All heavy atoms as atom14 arrays in JSON, in Angstrom:
{
  "sequence": "IREATQLALERDGFVVTAAPDGLTGLERFRADRPDIALLDVMVPGLDG",
  "atom14_mask": [
    [1, 1, 1, 1, 1, 1, 1, 1, 0, 0, 0, 0, 0, 0],
    [1, 1, 1, 1, 1, 1, 1, 1, 1, 1, 1, 0, 0, 0],
    [1, 1, 1, 1, 1, 1, 1, 1, 1, 0, 0, 0, 0, 0],
    [1, 1, 1, 1, 1, 0, 0, 0, 0, 0, 0, 0, 0, 0],
    [1, 1, 1, 1, 1, 1, 1, 0, 0, 0, 0, 0, 0, 0],
    [1, 1, 1, 1, 1, 1, 1, 1, 1, 0, 0, 0, 0, 0],
    [1, 1, 1, 1, 1, 1, 1, 1, 0, 0, 0, 0, 0, 0],
    [1, 1, 1, 1, 1, 0, 0, 0, 0, 0, 0, 0, 0, 0],
    [1, 1, 1, 1, 1, 1, 1, 1, 0, 0, 0, 0, 0, 0],
    [1, 1, 1, 1, 1, 1, 1, 1, 1, 0, 0, 0, 0, 0],
    [1, 1, 1, 1, 1, 1, 1, 1, 1, 1, 1, 0, 0, 0],
    [1, 1, 1, 1, 1, 1, 1, 1, 0, 0, 0, 0, 0, 0],
    [1, 1, 1, 1, 0, 0, 0, 0, 0, 0, 0, 0, 0, 0],
    [1, 1, 1, 1, 1, 1, 1, 1, 1, 1, 1, 0, 0, 0],
    [1, 1, 1, 1, 1, 1, 1, 0, 0, 0, 0, 0, 0, 0],
    [1, 1, 1, 1, 1, 1, 1, 0, 0, 0, 0, 0, 0, 0],
    [1, 1, 1, 1, 1, 1, 1, 0, 0, 0, 0, 0, 0, 0],
    [1, 1, 1, 1, 1, 0, 0, 0, 0, 0, 0, 0, 0, 0],
    [1, 1, 1, 1, 1, 0, 0, 0, 0, 0, 0, 0, 0, 0],
    [1, 1, 1, 1, 1, 1, 1, 0, 0, 0, 0, 0, 0, 0],
    [1, 1, 1, 1, 1, 1, 1, 1, 0, 0, 0, 0, 0, 0],
    [1, 1, 1, 1, 0, 0, 0, 0, 0, 0, 0, 0, 0, 0],
    [1, 1, 1, 1, 1, 1, 1, 1, 0, 0, 0, 0, 0, 0],
    [1, 1, 1, 1, 1, 1, 1, 0, 0, 0, 0, 0, 0, 0],
    [1, 1, 1, 1, 0, 0, 0, 0, 0, 0, 0, 0, 0, 0],
    [1, 1, 1, 1, 1, 1, 1, 1, 0, 0, 0, 0, 0, 0],
    [1, 1, 1, 1, 1, 1, 1, 1, 1, 0, 0, 0, 0, 0],
    [1, 1, 1, 1, 1, 1, 1, 1, 1, 1, 1, 0, 0, 0],
    [1, 1, 1, 1, 1, 1, 1, 1, 1, 1, 1, 0, 0, 0],
    [1, 1, 1, 1, 1, 1, 1, 1, 1, 1, 1, 0, 0, 0],
    [1, 1, 1, 1, 1, 0, 0, 0, 0, 0, 0, 0, 0, 0],
    [1, 1, 1, 1, 1, 1, 1, 1, 0, 0, 0, 0, 0, 0],
    [1, 1, 1, 1, 1, 1, 1, 1, 1, 1, 1, 0, 0, 0],
    [1, 1, 1, 1, 1, 1, 1, 0, 0, 0, 0, 0, 0, 0],
    [1, 1, 1, 1, 1, 1, 1, 1, 0, 0, 0, 0, 0, 0],
    [1, 1, 1, 1, 1, 1, 1, 1, 0, 0, 0, 0, 0, 0],
    [1, 1, 1, 1, 1, 0, 0, 0, 0, 0, 0, 0, 0, 0],
    [1, 1, 1, 1, 1, 1, 1, 1, 0, 0, 0, 0, 0, 0],
    [1, 1, 1, 1, 1, 1, 1, 1, 0, 0, 0, 0, 0, 0],
    [1, 1, 1, 1, 1, 1, 1, 1, 0, 0, 0, 0, 0, 0],
    [1, 1, 1, 1, 1, 1, 1, 0, 0, 0, 0, 0, 0, 0],
    [1, 1, 1, 1, 1, 1, 1, 1, 0, 0, 0, 0, 0, 0],
    [1, 1, 1, 1, 1, 1, 1, 0, 0, 0, 0, 0, 0, 0],
    [1, 1, 1, 1, 1, 1, 1, 0, 0, 0, 0, 0, 0, 0],
    [1, 1, 1, 1, 0, 0, 0, 0, 0, 0, 0, 0, 0, 0],
    [1, 1, 1, 1, 1, 1, 1, 1, 0, 0, 0, 0, 0, 0],
    [1, 1, 1, 1, 1, 1, 1, 1, 0, 0, 0, 0, 0, 0],
    [1, 1, 1, 1, 0, 0, 0, 0, 0, 0, 0, 0, 0, 0]
  ],
  "atom14_positions": [
    [[-83.62, 57.83, -14.34], [-82.75, 58.94, -14.41], [-82.28, 59.25, -12.98], [-81.11, 59.54, -12.69], [-83.41, 60.22, -14.99], [-83.66, 59.98, -16.45], [-82.44, 61.46, -14.75], [-84.36, 61.16, -17.14], [0.0, 0.0, 0.0], [0.0, 0.0, 0.0], [0.0, 0.0, 0.0], [0.0, 0.0, 0.0], [0.0, 0.0, 0.0], [0.0, 0.0, 0.0]],
    [[-83.25, 59.21, -12.02], [-82.88, 59.53, -10.62], [-81.84, 58.53, -10.09], [-80.82, 58.97, -9.43], [-84.13, 59.53, -9.75], [-83.9, 60.0, -8.32], [-85.18, 60.12, -7.49], [-85.84, 58.85, -7.31], [-86.9, 58.43, -7.92], [-87.54, 59.28, -8.78], [-87.44, 57.25, -7.65], [0.0, 0.0, 0.0], [0.0, 0.0, 0.0], [0.0, 0.0, 0.0]],
    [[-82.09, 57.24, -10.28], [-81.2, 56.24, -9.72], [-79.79, 56.21, -10.38], [-78.81, 56.17, -9.77], [-81.85, 54.83, -9.82], [-83.07, 54.74, -8.91], [-83.86, 53.47, -9.11], [-83.29, 52.57, -9.9], [-84.98, 53.31, -8.59], [0.0, 0.0, 0.0], [0.0, 0.0, 0.0], [0.0, 0.0, 0.0], [0.0, 0.0, 0.0], [0.0, 0.0, 0.0]],
    [[-79.82, 56.41, -11.7], [-78.55, 56.38, -12.43], [-77.68, 57.6, -12.08], [-76.49, 57.51, -11.93], [-78.84, 56.36, -13.94], [0.0, 0.0, 0.0], [0.0, 0.0, 0.0], [0.0, 0.0, 0.0], [0.0, 0.0, 0.0], [0.0, 0.0, 0.0], [0.0, 0.0, 0.0], [0.0, 0.0, 0.0], [0.0, 0.0, 0.0], [0.0, 0.0, 0.0]],
    [[-78.38, 58.79, -12.07], [-77.66, 59.99, -11.73], [-77.14, 59.93, -10.23], [-75.98, 60.39, -9.95], [-78.53, 61.23, -11.91], [-79.01, 61.22, -13.25], [-77.76, 62.51, -11.6], [0.0, 0.0, 0.0], [0.0, 0.0, 0.0], [0.0, 0.0, 0.0], [0.0, 0.0, 0.0], [0.0, 0.0, 0.0], [0.0, 0.0, 0.0], [0.0, 0.0, 0.0]],
    [[-77.94, 59.43, -9.31], [-77.48, 59.36, -7.97], [-76.24, 58.46, -7.8], [-75.26, 58.84, -7.16], [-78.6, 58.76, -7.07], [-78.2, 58.6, -5.6], [-79.35, 58.17, -4.71], [-80.46, 58.06, -5.17], [-79.08, 57.99, -3.45], [0.0, 0.0, 0.0], [0.0, 0.0, 0.0], [0.0, 0.0, 0.0], [0.0, 0.0, 0.0], [0.0, 0.0, 0.0]],
    [[-76.28, 57.29, -8.52], [-75.07, 56.48, -8.47], [-73.85, 57.11, -9.14], [-72.77, 57.03, -8.57], [-75.4, 55.15, -9.26], [-76.36, 54.14, -8.65], [-76.65, 52.99, -9.57], [-75.76, 53.65, -7.35], [0.0, 0.0, 0.0], [0.0, 0.0, 0.0], [0.0, 0.0, 0.0], [0.0, 0.0, 0.0], [0.0, 0.0, 0.0], [0.0, 0.0, 0.0]],
    [[-74.04, 57.83, -10.24], [-72.92, 58.56, -10.86], [-72.32, 59.65, -9.95], [-71.11, 59.75, -9.85], [-73.39, 59.15, -12.21], [0.0, 0.0, 0.0], [0.0, 0.0, 0.0], [0.0, 0.0, 0.0], [0.0, 0.0, 0.0], [0.0, 0.0, 0.0], [0.0, 0.0, 0.0], [0.0, 0.0, 0.0], [0.0, 0.0, 0.0], [0.0, 0.0, 0.0]],
    [[-73.24, 60.33, -9.26], [-72.75, 61.42, -8.32], [-72.04, 60.8, -7.05], [-70.99, 61.33, -6.68], [-73.93, 62.3, -7.89], [-74.54, 63.17, -8.96], [-75.76, 63.91, -8.4], [-73.54, 64.17, -9.49], [0.0, 0.0, 0.0], [0.0, 0.0, 0.0], [0.0, 0.0, 0.0], [0.0, 0.0, 0.0], [0.0, 0.0, 0.0], [0.0, 0.0, 0.0]],
    [[-72.55, 59.71, -6.61], [-71.94, 59.05, -5.48], [-70.56, 58.48, -5.87], [-69.65, 58.49, -5.05], [-72.86, 57.94, -4.91], [-74.12, 58.54, -4.21], [-75.09, 57.46, -3.82], [-75.0, 56.33, -4.32], [-76.02, 57.79, -2.98], [0.0, 0.0, 0.0], [0.0, 0.0, 0.0], [0.0, 0.0, 0.0], [0.0, 0.0, 0.0], [0.0, 0.0, 0.0]],
    [[-70.43, 58.01, -7.09], [-69.11, 57.52, -7.51], [-68.11, 58.65, -7.56], [-66.93, 58.4, -7.42], [-69.25, 56.88, -8.91], [-69.81, 55.45, -8.91], [-69.47, 54.78, -10.17], [-70.09, 55.45, -11.33], [-71.27, 55.13, -11.83], [-72.02, 54.23, -11.25], [-71.74, 55.87, -12.86], [0.0, 0.0, 0.0], [0.0, 0.0, 0.0], [0.0, 0.0, 0.0]],
    [[-68.55, 59.83, -7.79], [-67.66, 61.04, -7.79], [-67.49, 61.59, -6.37], [-66.86, 62.69, -6.23], [-68.2, 62.1, -8.72], [-67.7, 61.89, -10.16], [-66.6, 62.3, -10.45], [-68.47, 61.24, -10.94], [0.0, 0.0, 0.0], [0.0, 0.0, 0.0], [0.0, 0.0, 0.0], [0.0, 0.0, 0.0], [0.0, 0.0, 0.0], [0.0, 0.0, 0.0]],
    [[-67.98, 60.97, -5.37], [-67.73, 61.38, -3.97], [-68.77, 62.24, -3.35], [-68.56, 62.69, -2.21], [0.0, 0.0, 0.0], [0.0, 0.0, 0.0], [0.0, 0.0, 0.0], [0.0, 0.0, 0.0], [0.0, 0.0, 0.0], [0.0, 0.0, 0.0], [0.0, 0.0, 0.0], [0.0, 0.0, 0.0], [0.0, 0.0, 0.0], [0.0, 0.0, 0.0]],
    [[-69.87, 62.44, -3.99], [-71.01, 63.27, -3.41], [-71.89, 62.44, -2.52], [-72.07, 61.21, -2.84], [-71.79, 63.91, -4.52], [-71.05, 64.92, -5.4], [-70.63, 64.58, -6.59], [-70.83, 66.22, -4.92], [-69.97, 65.51, -7.41], [-70.18, 67.14, -5.71], [-69.76, 66.74, -6.98], [0.0, 0.0, 0.0], [0.0, 0.0, 0.0], [0.0, 0.0, 0.0]],
    [[-72.45, 63.02, -1.53], [-73.51, 62.42, -0.71], [-74.8, 62.88, -1.37], [-74.98, 64.13, -1.46], [-73.39, 62.77, 0.74], [-74.59, 62.29, 1.49], [-72.11, 62.31, 1.35], [0.0, 0.0, 0.0], [0.0, 0.0, 0.0], [0.0, 0.0, 0.0], [0.0, 0.0, 0.0], [0.0, 0.0, 0.0], [0.0, 0.0, 0.0], [0.0, 0.0, 0.0]],
    [[-75.66, 61.97, -1.74], [-76.87, 62.4, -2.45], [-78.11, 62.03, -1.71], [-78.29, 60.88, -1.28], [-76.91, 61.7, -3.87], [-78.16, 62.14, -4.65], [-75.6, 62.07, -4.66], [0.0, 0.0, 0.0], [0.0, 0.0, 0.0], [0.0, 0.0, 0.0], [0.0, 0.0, 0.0], [0.0, 0.0, 0.0], [0.0, 0.0, 0.0], [0.0, 0.0, 0.0]],
    [[-79.01, 62.94, -1.59], [-80.36, 62.71, -1.06], [-81.28, 62.88, -2.31], [-81.36, 63.97, -2.9], [-80.82, 63.69, -0.02], [-80.01, 63.48, 1.2], [-82.27, 63.46, 0.37], [0.0, 0.0, 0.0], [0.0, 0.0, 0.0], [0.0, 0.0, 0.0], [0.0, 0.0, 0.0], [0.0, 0.0, 0.0], [0.0, 0.0, 0.0], [0.0, 0.0, 0.0]],
    [[-82.07, 61.85, -2.71], [-82.9, 61.88, -3.85], [-84.37, 61.9, -3.46], [-84.75, 61.28, -2.47], [-82.57, 60.67, -4.8], [0.0, 0.0, 0.0], [0.0, 0.0, 0.0], [0.0, 0.0, 0.0], [0.0, 0.0, 0.0], [0.0, 0.0, 0.0], [0.0, 0.0, 0.0], [0.0, 0.0, 0.0], [0.0, 0.0, 0.0], [0.0, 0.0, 0.0]],
    [[-85.12, 62.7, -4.24], [-86.51, 62.82, -3.98], [-87.29, 62.67, -5.32], [-86.87, 63.23, -6.28], [-86.85, 64.09, -3.28], [0.0, 0.0, 0.0], [0.0, 0.0, 0.0], [0.0, 0.0, 0.0], [0.0, 0.0, 0.0], [0.0, 0.0, 0.0], [0.0, 0.0, 0.0], [0.0, 0.0, 0.0], [0.0, 0.0, 0.0], [0.0, 0.0, 0.0]],
    [[-88.47, 62.0, -5.3], [-89.22, 61.84, -6.52], [-90.21, 62.92, -6.87], [-90.77, 62.9, -7.92], [-89.97, 60.48, -6.25], [-90.24, 60.52, -4.78], [-89.06, 61.25, -4.19], [0.0, 0.0, 0.0], [0.0, 0.0, 0.0], [0.0, 0.0, 0.0], [0.0, 0.0, 0.0], [0.0, 0.0, 0.0], [0.0, 0.0, 0.0], [0.0, 0.0, 0.0]],
    [[-90.43, 63.86, -5.94], [-91.41, 64.96, -6.23], [-91.0, 66.19, -5.38], [-90.11, 66.16, -4.52], [-92.76, 64.51, -5.81], [-92.93, 64.13, -4.39], [-93.0, 65.01, -3.57], [-92.93, 62.92, -4.06], [0.0, 0.0, 0.0], [0.0, 0.0, 0.0], [0.0, 0.0, 0.0], [0.0, 0.0, 0.0], [0.0, 0.0, 0.0], [0.0, 0.0, 0.0]],
    [[-91.62, 67.31, -5.78], [-91.2, 68.54, -5.2], [-91.52, 68.71, -3.73], [-90.73, 69.25, -2.94], [0.0, 0.0, 0.0], [0.0, 0.0, 0.0], [0.0, 0.0, 0.0], [0.0, 0.0, 0.0], [0.0, 0.0, 0.0], [0.0, 0.0, 0.0], [0.0, 0.0, 0.0], [0.0, 0.0, 0.0], [0.0, 0.0, 0.0], [0.0, 0.0, 0.0]],
    [[-92.63, 68.21, -3.21], [-92.98, 68.32, -1.83], [-92.0, 67.46, -0.95], [-91.52, 67.96, 0.11], [-94.43, 67.87, -1.6], [-95.49, 68.82, -2.12], [-96.81, 68.17, -1.97], [-95.42, 70.17, -1.45], [0.0, 0.0, 0.0], [0.0, 0.0, 0.0], [0.0, 0.0, 0.0], [0.0, 0.0, 0.0], [0.0, 0.0, 0.0], [0.0, 0.0, 0.0]],
    [[-91.64, 66.29, -1.41], [-90.7, 65.49, -0.73], [-89.31, 66.16, -0.77], [-88.58, 66.14, 0.24], [-90.58, 64.09, -1.35], [-91.78, 63.41, -1.33], [-89.57, 63.24, -0.58], [0.0, 0.0, 0.0], [0.0, 0.0, 0.0], [0.0, 0.0, 0.0], [0.0, 0.0, 0.0], [0.0, 0.0, 0.0], [0.0, 0.0, 0.0], [0.0, 0.0, 0.0]],
    [[-88.97, 66.8, -1.92], [-87.7, 67.53, -2.03], [-87.65, 68.65, -1.03], [-86.62, 68.86, -0.46], [0.0, 0.0, 0.0], [0.0, 0.0, 0.0], [0.0, 0.0, 0.0], [0.0, 0.0, 0.0], [0.0, 0.0, 0.0], [0.0, 0.0, 0.0], [0.0, 0.0, 0.0], [0.0, 0.0, 0.0], [0.0, 0.0, 0.0], [0.0, 0.0, 0.0]],
    [[-88.75, 69.39, -0.89], [-88.71, 70.51, 0.12], [-88.52, 69.92, 1.52], [-87.8, 70.57, 2.3], [-90.08, 71.25, 0.02], [-90.2, 72.47, 0.93], [-89.07, 73.53, 0.57], [-91.55, 73.11, 0.75], [0.0, 0.0, 0.0], [0.0, 0.0, 0.0], [0.0, 0.0, 0.0], [0.0, 0.0, 0.0], [0.0, 0.0, 0.0], [0.0, 0.0, 0.0]],
    [[-89.17, 68.82, 1.85], [-89.02, 68.24, 3.16], [-87.53, 67.82, 3.38], [-87.02, 68.07, 4.46], [-89.91, 67.05, 3.36], [-91.42, 67.37, 3.35], [-92.24, 66.12, 3.42], [-91.69, 65.01, 3.39], [-93.49, 66.26, 3.47], [0.0, 0.0, 0.0], [0.0, 0.0, 0.0], [0.0, 0.0, 0.0], [0.0, 0.0, 0.0], [0.0, 0.0, 0.0]],
    [[-86.97, 67.2, 2.41], [-85.57, 66.73, 2.45], [-84.64, 67.95, 2.59], [-83.64, 67.93, 3.33], [-85.2, 65.97, 1.25], [-85.96, 64.65, 1.09], [-85.41, 63.57, 2.01], [-85.98, 62.31, 1.66], [-87.15, 61.77, 2.1], [-87.88, 62.53, 3.06], [-87.6, 60.6, 1.78], [0.0, 0.0, 0.0], [0.0, 0.0, 0.0], [0.0, 0.0, 0.0]],
    [[-84.96, 68.98, 1.86], [-84.08, 70.21, 1.95], [-84.1, 70.73, 3.32], [-83.05, 71.11, 3.92], [-84.6, 71.26, 0.98], [-83.93, 72.57, 1.08], [-82.65, 72.79, 0.6], [-84.49, 73.63, 1.81], [-82.02, 74.03, 0.73], [-83.85, 74.82, 1.94], [-82.55, 74.99, 1.44], [0.0, 0.0, 0.0], [0.0, 0.0, 0.0], [0.0, 0.0, 0.0]],
    [[-85.23, 70.86, 3.93], [-85.38, 71.47, 5.25], [-84.77, 70.57, 6.37], [-84.17, 71.05, 7.35], [-86.86, 71.7, 5.57], [-87.41, 72.87, 4.77], [-88.91, 73.04, 5.01], [-89.41, 74.31, 4.38], [-90.68, 74.55, 4.21], [-91.58, 73.64, 4.55], [-91.04, 75.71, 3.69], [0.0, 0.0, 0.0], [0.0, 0.0, 0.0], [0.0, 0.0, 0.0]],
    [[-84.86, 69.29, 6.11], [-84.27, 68.32, 7.11], [-82.76, 68.2, 6.99], [-82.03, 68.09, 8.02], [-84.92, 66.95, 6.95], [0.0, 0.0, 0.0], [0.0, 0.0, 0.0], [0.0, 0.0, 0.0], [0.0, 0.0, 0.0], [0.0, 0.0, 0.0], [0.0, 0.0, 0.0], [0.0, 0.0, 0.0], [0.0, 0.0, 0.0], [0.0, 0.0, 0.0]],
    [[-82.21, 68.16, 5.78], [-80.85, 67.83, 5.54], [-79.9, 69.04, 5.26], [-78.69, 68.9, 5.45], [-80.71, 66.87, 4.29], [-81.41, 65.55, 4.6], [-81.68, 65.23, 5.77], [-81.79, 64.87, 3.64], [0.0, 0.0, 0.0], [0.0, 0.0, 0.0], [0.0, 0.0, 0.0], [0.0, 0.0, 0.0], [0.0, 0.0, 0.0], [0.0, 0.0, 0.0]],
    [[-80.51, 70.15, 4.84], [-79.71, 71.37, 4.53], [-78.47, 71.05, 3.63], [-77.34, 71.12, 4.01], [-79.3, 72.05, 5.8], [-80.39, 72.64, 6.58], [-81.06, 73.76, 5.81], [-82.26, 74.26, 6.44], [-83.08, 75.21, 5.9], [-82.87, 75.65, 4.73], [-84.17, 75.59, 6.55], [0.0, 0.0, 0.0], [0.0, 0.0, 0.0], [0.0, 0.0, 0.0]],
    [[-78.78, 70.59, 2.37], [-77.71, 70.15, 1.46], [-76.82, 71.37, 1.07], [-77.2, 72.56, 1.24], [-78.5, 69.55, 0.28], [-79.8, 70.35, 0.28], [-80.13, 70.54, 1.77], [0.0, 0.0, 0.0], [0.0, 0.0, 0.0], [0.0, 0.0, 0.0], [0.0, 0.0, 0.0], [0.0, 0.0, 0.0], [0.0, 0.0, 0.0], [0.0, 0.0, 0.0]],
    [[-75.72, 71.07, 0.46], [-74.77, 72.08, -0.05], [-75.25, 72.64, -1.45], [-74.81, 73.73, -1.79], [-73.36, 71.49, -0.18], [-72.9, 71.08, 1.15], [-72.77, 71.87, 2.11], [-72.6, 69.83, 1.27], [0.0, 0.0, 0.0], [0.0, 0.0, 0.0], [0.0, 0.0, 0.0], [0.0, 0.0, 0.0], [0.0, 0.0, 0.0], [0.0, 0.0, 0.0]],
    [[-75.94, 71.82, -2.2], [-76.45, 72.22, -3.51], [-77.66, 71.44, -3.88], [-77.85, 70.3, -3.41], [-75.34, 72.02, -4.57], [-75.76, 72.59, -5.93], [-74.94, 70.56, -4.73], [-74.59, 72.72, -6.93], [0.0, 0.0, 0.0], [0.0, 0.0, 0.0], [0.0, 0.0, 0.0], [0.0, 0.0, 0.0], [0.0, 0.0, 0.0], [0.0, 0.0, 0.0]],
    [[-78.59, 72.04, -4.64], [-79.83, 71.34, -5.03], [-79.88, 71.27, -6.53], [-79.68, 72.24, -7.25], [-81.03, 72.12, -4.53], [0.0, 0.0, 0.0], [0.0, 0.0, 0.0], [0.0, 0.0, 0.0], [0.0, 0.0, 0.0], [0.0, 0.0, 0.0], [0.0, 0.0, 0.0], [0.0, 0.0, 0.0], [0.0, 0.0, 0.0], [0.0, 0.0, 0.0]],
    [[-80.23, 70.01, -7.0], [-80.45, 69.82, -8.48], [-81.92, 69.59, -8.56], [-82.52, 68.62, -8.01], [-79.64, 68.63, -8.95], [-78.15, 68.52, -8.73], [-77.6, 67.31, -9.29], [-77.52, 69.77, -9.38], [0.0, 0.0, 0.0], [0.0, 0.0, 0.0], [0.0, 0.0, 0.0], [0.0, 0.0, 0.0], [0.0, 0.0, 0.0], [0.0, 0.0, 0.0]],
    [[-82.66, 70.39, -9.36], [-84.11, 70.35, -9.46], [-84.58, 70.16, -10.88], [-84.28, 71.03, -11.7], [-84.77, 71.59, -8.86], [-84.24, 72.1, -7.4], [-85.0, 73.35, -7.09], [-84.45, 70.99, -6.46], [0.0, 0.0, 0.0], [0.0, 0.0, 0.0], [0.0, 0.0, 0.0], [0.0, 0.0, 0.0], [0.0, 0.0, 0.0], [0.0, 0.0, 0.0]],
    [[-85.28, 69.03, -11.14], [-85.88, 68.93, -12.43], [-87.06, 69.88, -12.47], [-87.79, 70.04, -11.51], [-86.31, 67.46, -12.63], [-86.88, 67.25, -14.03], [-86.29, 67.75, -15.0], [-87.98, 66.63, -14.16], [0.0, 0.0, 0.0], [0.0, 0.0, 0.0], [0.0, 0.0, 0.0], [0.0, 0.0, 0.0], [0.0, 0.0, 0.0], [0.0, 0.0, 0.0]],
    [[-87.23, 70.52, -13.65], [-88.33, 71.5, -13.8], [-89.72, 70.79, -13.64], [-90.61, 71.24, -12.95], [-88.21, 72.16, -15.17], [-89.47, 73.03, -15.42], [-87.01, 73.11, -15.22], [0.0, 0.0, 0.0], [0.0, 0.0, 0.0], [0.0, 0.0, 0.0], [0.0, 0.0, 0.0], [0.0, 0.0, 0.0], [0.0, 0.0, 0.0], [0.0, 0.0, 0.0]],
    [[-89.86, 69.68, -14.34], [-91.14, 69.03, -14.39], [-91.23, 67.85, -13.37], [-91.0, 66.67, -13.75], [-91.48, 68.52, -15.79], [-91.44, 69.62, -16.86], [-92.68, 70.86, -16.55], [-94.17, 69.91, -16.86], [0.0, 0.0, 0.0], [0.0, 0.0, 0.0], [0.0, 0.0, 0.0], [0.0, 0.0, 0.0], [0.0, 0.0, 0.0], [0.0, 0.0, 0.0]],
    [[-91.56, 68.14, -12.14], [-91.81, 67.1, -11.1], [-93.16, 67.32, -10.53], [-93.66, 68.44, -10.44], [-90.71, 67.21, -10.03], [-89.33, 66.71, -10.55], [-90.57, 68.56, -9.44], [0.0, 0.0, 0.0], [0.0, 0.0, 0.0], [0.0, 0.0, 0.0], [0.0, 0.0, 0.0], [0.0, 0.0, 0.0], [0.0, 0.0, 0.0], [0.0, 0.0, 0.0]],
    [[-93.79, 66.27, -10.07], [-95.18, 66.34, -9.56], [-95.16, 66.99, -8.17], [-94.12, 67.07, -7.47], [-95.63, 64.9, -9.49], [-94.38, 64.1, -9.4], [-93.35, 64.84, -10.14], [0.0, 0.0, 0.0], [0.0, 0.0, 0.0], [0.0, 0.0, 0.0], [0.0, 0.0, 0.0], [0.0, 0.0, 0.0], [0.0, 0.0, 0.0], [0.0, 0.0, 0.0]],
    [[-96.39, 67.35, -7.73], [-96.6, 67.87, -6.4], [-96.29, 69.28, -6.29], [-97.17, 70.17, -6.06], [0.0, 0.0, 0.0], [0.0, 0.0, 0.0], [0.0, 0.0, 0.0], [0.0, 0.0, 0.0], [0.0, 0.0, 0.0], [0.0, 0.0, 0.0], [0.0, 0.0, 0.0], [0.0, 0.0, 0.0], [0.0, 0.0, 0.0], [0.0, 0.0, 0.0]],
    [[-95.03, 69.62, -6.44], [-94.49, 71.01, -6.4], [-93.46, 71.07, -7.51], [-92.41, 70.41, -7.36], [-93.92, 71.33, -5.02], [-93.45, 72.79, -4.78], [-94.61, 73.73, -4.72], [-92.65, 72.87, -3.48], [0.0, 0.0, 0.0], [0.0, 0.0, 0.0], [0.0, 0.0, 0.0], [0.0, 0.0, 0.0], [0.0, 0.0, 0.0], [0.0, 0.0, 0.0]],
    [[-93.78, 71.77, -8.53], [-92.88, 71.75, -9.67], [-91.48, 72.38, -9.29], [-91.38, 73.05, -8.3], [-93.4, 72.47, -10.92], [-93.63, 73.95, -10.71], [-92.7, 74.74, -10.82], [-94.77, 74.35, -10.35], [0.0, 0.0, 0.0], [0.0, 0.0, 0.0], [0.0, 0.0, 0.0], [0.0, 0.0, 0.0], [0.0, 0.0, 0.0], [0.0, 0.0, 0.0]],
    [[-90.44, 72.06, -10.17], [-89.13, 72.55, -9.84], [-88.99, 74.05, -9.65], [-88.21, 74.53, -8.81], [0.0, 0.0, 0.0], [0.0, 0.0, 0.0], [0.0, 0.0, 0.0], [0.0, 0.0, 0.0], [0.0, 0.0, 0.0], [0.0, 0.0, 0.0], [0.0, 0.0, 0.0], [0.0, 0.0, 0.0], [0.0, 0.0, 0.0], [0.0, 0.0, 0.0]]
  ]
}
């Protein structure tokens, strides 16, 4: 789902930073300061 959705969003012109778990997502958020966040509810480490 992560790879397919990332490709679909990039085809529509978005720049996508993907993360496999909540802790990595938090690190990416703080480092990249994205314009919007898509968070799956059930992710390991730190839930959505």
